[in-house]
């Protein structure tokens, strides 16, 4: 009985093709991961910057809105409360809300007078009112409730209301002189420059009309 003969062929030398392919695939996957990570980081920075910019804008807008009542009272009483060095007595009820600071100058700015119209260049203009609200009182300004803004108020013009005598408005040009009830209006230009986290900045502007009622 013949026994079958089994021939053993020598093993071919391994050429390492699988290893090379695996390394190439690993390199491609690594590059994809790096690009994805970089894109995610850039998107995160863009989103963060956008959020900070919007927050600074909102603070700037909020600051302008918060001083409207202050300007109304200041023009109505022709001055500032005695509590901050003005001439308006405490009995008038005119108080400055917490967080709002009238500029600390040798003479408090009389915003309703004709000489208060020099704030067109904010680089040279003196700040009229500051808004700084820090509920935690830690000075960090790092919470959503914190606000910090500088306000510049310029008297733009005085206008006589329709049907009013022009002599009623002319008397209001001087300190202590009044106009007849609702006889004229004063227009203010209010600039608000807010600062926030991450060196964010925002500048907003509005024109505000005050109707003379006394």
Protein backbone atom coordinates (compact mmCIF):
# COMPACT_ATOMS: atom_id res chain seq x y z
CA UNK A 1 0.00 0.00 0.00
CA UNK A 2 1.40 3.26 -1.11
CA UNK A 3 1.57 6.01 1.49
CA UNK A 4 0.75 9.48 0.02
CA UNK A 5 3.59 11.84 0.09
CA UNK A 6 2.95 15.30 1.64
CA UNK A 7 5.12 18.03 0.29
CA UNK A 8 5.78 20.99 2.61
CA UNK A 9 6.39 24.28 0.85
CA UNK A 10 8.63 26.80 2.59
CA UNK A 11 6.76 29.76 4.15
CA UNK A 12 7.02 32.86 2.09
CA UNK A 13 8.75 35.77 3.81
CA UNK A 14 6.27 38.17 5.41
CA UNK A 15 6.37 41.48 3.63
CA UNK A 16 4.56 43.60 6.33
CA UNK A 17 1.83 44.90 3.98
CA UNK A 18 -0.87 44.63 6.64
CA UNK A 19 1.22 46.69 9.07
CA UNK A 20 1.80 49.42 6.50
CA UNK A 21 -1.90 49.58 5.63
CA UNK A 22 -2.81 49.74 9.31
CA UNK A 23 -0.33 52.58 9.90
CA UNK A 24 -1.71 54.53 6.93
CA UNK A 25 -5.27 54.10 8.16
CA UNK A 26 -4.23 55.13 11.67
CA UNK A 27 -2.54 58.25 10.30
CA UNK A 28 -5.63 59.18 8.27
CA UNK A 29 -7.89 58.69 11.29
CA UNK A 30 -5.53 60.77 13.42
CA UNK A 31 -5.60 63.62 10.89
CA UNK A 32 -9.40 63.50 10.78
CA UNK A 33 -9.55 63.62 14.59
CA UNK A 34 -7.12 66.56 14.72
CA UNK A 35 -9.08 68.52 12.09
CA UNK A 36 -12.35 67.79 13.90
CA UNK A 37 -10.87 68.89 17.23
CA UNK A 38 -9.49 72.06 15.69
CA UNK A 39 -12.84 72.85 14.07
CA UNK A 40 -14.64 72.26 17.36
CA UNK A 41 -12.19 74.54 19.19
CA UNK A 42 -12.64 77.32 16.63
CA UNK A 43 -16.42 76.96 16.78
CA UNK A 44 -16.28 77.16 20.58
CA UNK A 45 -14.19 80.34 20.44
CA UNK A 46 -16.56 81.89 17.91
CA UNK A 47 -19.56 81.01 20.06
CA UNK A 48 -17.87 82.36 23.20
CA UNK A 49 -16.89 85.62 21.49
CA UNK A 50 -20.39 85.99 20.11
CA UNK A 51 -21.90 85.44 23.55
CA UNK A 52 -19.56 88.00 25.14
CA UNK A 53 -20.32 90.53 22.42
CA UNK A 54 -24.07 90.08 22.88
CA UNK A 55 -23.71 90.41 26.64
CA UNK A 56 -21.72 93.64 26.28
CA UNK A 57 -24.39 94.96 23.90
CA UNK A 58 -27.17 94.09 26.35
CA UNK A 59 -25.30 95.79 29.20
CA UNK A 60 -24.84 98.90 27.05
CA UNK A 61 -28.53 98.96 26.18
CA UNK A 62 -29.59 98.34 29.78
CA UNK A 63 -27.40 101.17 31.03
CA UNK A 64 -29.04 103.68 28.71
CA UNK A 65 -32.52 102.58 29.74
CA UNK A 66 -31.72 102.78 33.45
CA UNK A 67 -30.70 106.45 33.37
CA UNK A 68 -33.79 107.78 31.59
CA UNK A 69 -35.58 108.34 34.89
CA UNK A 70 -32.46 109.96 36.34
CA UNK A 71 -32.30 112.41 33.43
CA UNK A 72 -36.02 113.15 33.80
CA UNK A 73 -35.66 113.97 37.50
CA UNK A 74 -32.47 115.97 36.91
CA UNK A 75 -34.14 118.13 34.25
CA UNK A 76 -37.33 118.48 36.29
CA UNK A 77 -35.56 119.69 39.44
CA UNK A 78 -32.84 121.59 37.53
CA UNK A 79 -30.06 119.94 39.48
CA UNK A 80 -28.83 116.94 41.45
CA UNK A 81 -29.77 115.66 44.91
CA UNK A 82 -28.01 117.16 47.89
CA UNK A 83 -26.89 113.64 48.85
CA UNK A 84 -24.31 113.76 46.04
CA UNK A 85 -23.41 117.44 46.40
CA UNK A 86 -26.25 118.99 44.42
CA UNK A 87 -28.79 121.62 45.33
CA UNK A 88 -32.00 119.59 45.26
CA UNK A 89 -33.22 118.90 48.83
CA UNK A 90 -33.92 115.42 50.12
CA UNK A 91 -37.58 116.36 50.58
CA UNK A 92 -38.01 116.43 46.80
CA UNK A 93 -37.76 112.65 46.62
CA UNK A 94 -35.07 112.79 43.92
CA UNK A 95 -32.64 109.97 44.64
CA UNK A 96 -29.99 108.28 42.52
CA UNK A 97 -30.67 104.51 42.21
CA UNK A 98 -28.01 102.10 43.51
CA UNK A 99 -25.24 101.40 41.04
CA UNK A 100 -25.61 104.71 39.17
CA UNK A 101 -22.86 107.22 39.88
CA UNK A 102 -22.90 110.79 38.59
CA UNK A 103 -19.47 111.82 37.35
CA UNK A 104 -17.13 112.90 40.12
CA UNK A 105 -16.10 116.31 38.80
CA UNK A 106 -15.44 119.61 40.58
CA UNK A 107 -18.88 120.70 39.41
CA UNK A 108 -21.64 118.17 38.82
CA UNK A 109 -22.61 118.18 35.12
CA UNK A 110 -25.82 120.07 34.41
CA UNK A 111 -27.01 117.91 31.56
CA UNK A 112 -30.02 120.04 30.60
CA UNK A 113 -28.05 123.24 29.88
CA UNK A 114 -26.89 124.39 26.45
CA UNK A 115 -23.19 124.03 27.30
CA UNK A 116 -23.56 120.27 27.70
CA UNK A 117 -22.99 119.38 24.06
CA UNK A 118 -19.31 118.46 23.88
CA UNK A 119 -19.45 114.66 23.91
CA UNK A 120 -19.18 113.92 20.20
CA UNK A 121 -15.63 112.58 20.52
CA UNK A 122 -15.69 109.99 23.28
CA UNK A 123 -11.90 109.85 23.39
CA UNK A 124 -11.83 113.38 24.80
CA UNK A 125 -15.21 113.49 26.50
CA UNK A 126 -15.66 113.29 30.24
CA UNK A 127 -17.94 110.57 31.55
CA UNK A 128 -21.25 111.96 32.85
CA UNK A 129 -22.72 108.89 34.53
CA UNK A 130 -21.34 105.48 35.45
CA UNK A 131 -23.33 102.32 35.91
CA UNK A 132 -21.71 99.61 38.01
CA UNK A 133 -23.90 96.85 39.40
CA UNK A 134 -22.21 93.99 41.25
CA UNK A 135 -24.70 92.01 43.36
CA UNK A 136 -21.93 89.94 44.91
CA UNK A 137 -19.91 93.09 45.76
CA UNK A 138 -16.72 91.23 44.94
CA UNK A 139 -15.62 93.56 42.14
CA UNK A 140 -15.12 90.63 39.77
CA UNK A 141 -18.03 91.35 37.38
CA UNK A 142 -18.31 87.69 36.47
CA UNK A 143 -22.00 86.88 36.87
CA UNK A 144 -24.91 87.52 34.47
CA UNK A 145 -26.25 90.20 36.82
CA UNK A 146 -23.06 92.28 36.76
CA UNK A 147 -23.04 95.46 34.69
CA UNK A 148 -20.39 98.04 33.95
CA UNK A 149 -20.93 100.92 31.55
CA UNK A 150 -19.87 104.54 31.04
CA UNK A 151 -22.49 106.99 29.78
CA UNK A 152 -22.03 110.24 27.91
CA UNK A 153 -25.03 112.55 27.77
CA UNK A 154 -25.16 115.50 25.38
CA UNK A 155 -27.95 118.01 25.06
CA UNK A 156 -28.65 118.16 21.34
CA UNK A 157 -31.42 120.77 21.09
CA UNK A 158 -34.51 122.28 22.65
CA UNK A 159 -37.66 122.38 20.61
CA UNK A 160 -40.97 124.15 21.16
CA UNK A 161 -43.99 121.89 21.26
CA UNK A 162 -46.54 122.48 18.47
CA UNK A 163 -48.84 125.35 19.36
CA UNK A 164 -46.64 126.68 22.17
CA UNK A 165 -45.34 130.20 22.51
CA UNK A 166 -41.62 130.36 21.73
CA UNK A 167 -41.09 132.66 24.70
CA UNK A 168 -41.88 129.70 26.95
CA UNK A 169 -38.87 127.78 25.65
CA UNK A 170 -36.44 130.68 25.69
CA UNK A 171 -36.64 131.03 29.45
CA UNK A 172 -35.43 127.48 29.90
CA UNK A 173 -32.01 128.25 28.45
CA UNK A 174 -30.78 129.66 31.74
CA UNK A 175 -30.18 127.99 35.08
CA UNK A 176 -33.26 128.10 37.28
CA UNK A 177 -35.55 129.47 34.57
CA UNK A 178 -38.50 127.28 33.66
CA UNK A 179 -40.89 126.80 30.77
CA UNK A 180 -44.64 126.49 30.84
CA UNK A 181 -46.04 122.99 31.31
CA UNK A 182 -45.30 120.83 28.27
CA UNK A 183 -44.38 123.97 26.33
CA UNK A 184 -41.10 122.62 24.98
CA UNK A 185 -38.87 119.59 24.77
CA UNK A 186 -35.18 118.86 25.26
CA UNK A 187 -33.42 116.26 23.15
CA UNK A 188 -30.47 114.34 24.56
CA UNK A 189 -27.95 112.13 22.82
CA UNK A 190 -26.98 109.24 25.09
CA UNK A 191 -23.92 107.13 24.38
CA UNK A 192 -23.32 104.00 26.44
CA UNK A 193 -19.92 102.28 26.40
CA UNK A 194 -20.04 98.89 28.09
CA UNK A 195 -17.16 96.62 29.09
CA UNK A 196 -17.46 92.93 29.82
CA UNK A 197 -15.57 89.71 30.28
CA UNK A 198 -12.97 88.66 27.76
CA UNK A 199 -12.24 92.30 26.83
CA UNK A 200 -15.64 92.54 25.15
CA UNK A 201 -16.85 96.04 24.31
CA UNK A 202 -20.07 97.54 23.02
CA UNK A 203 -21.13 101.08 22.17
CA UNK A 204 -24.77 102.02 21.68
CA UNK A 205 -26.46 105.35 21.05
CA UNK A 206 -29.95 106.76 21.29
CA UNK A 207 -31.71 110.09 21.22
CA UNK A 208 -33.97 110.76 24.19
CA UNK A 209 -36.74 113.36 24.39
CA UNK A 210 -37.61 115.01 27.67
CA UNK A 211 -40.90 116.93 27.76
CA UNK A 212 -40.71 119.97 30.03
CA UNK A 213 -43.57 119.79 32.52
CA UNK A 214 -42.75 122.62 34.91
